[in-house]
């Protein structure tokens, strides 16, 4: 499950990077130049996905501690 959360966060990171900077090799322009509200939202969701990954790691660590006490 942690692998899925981390993979989705890294995939979102690549999409946000392309949205902000574009890709000259593929002739993709940066869409943030035209759609500022979209870029603000995807940047916020990227932060949320990394917070979710961090909380999931904390949850796993708490579960390990709880199991090791028994």
Foldseek 3Di string as FASTA:
>chain_A
DLVVLVVVLVVLVVVLVCLQCNDVVVPGHNVCVPVVVVSVVSVVVSVVSVVVSVVVVVVVVVVVVVVVVD
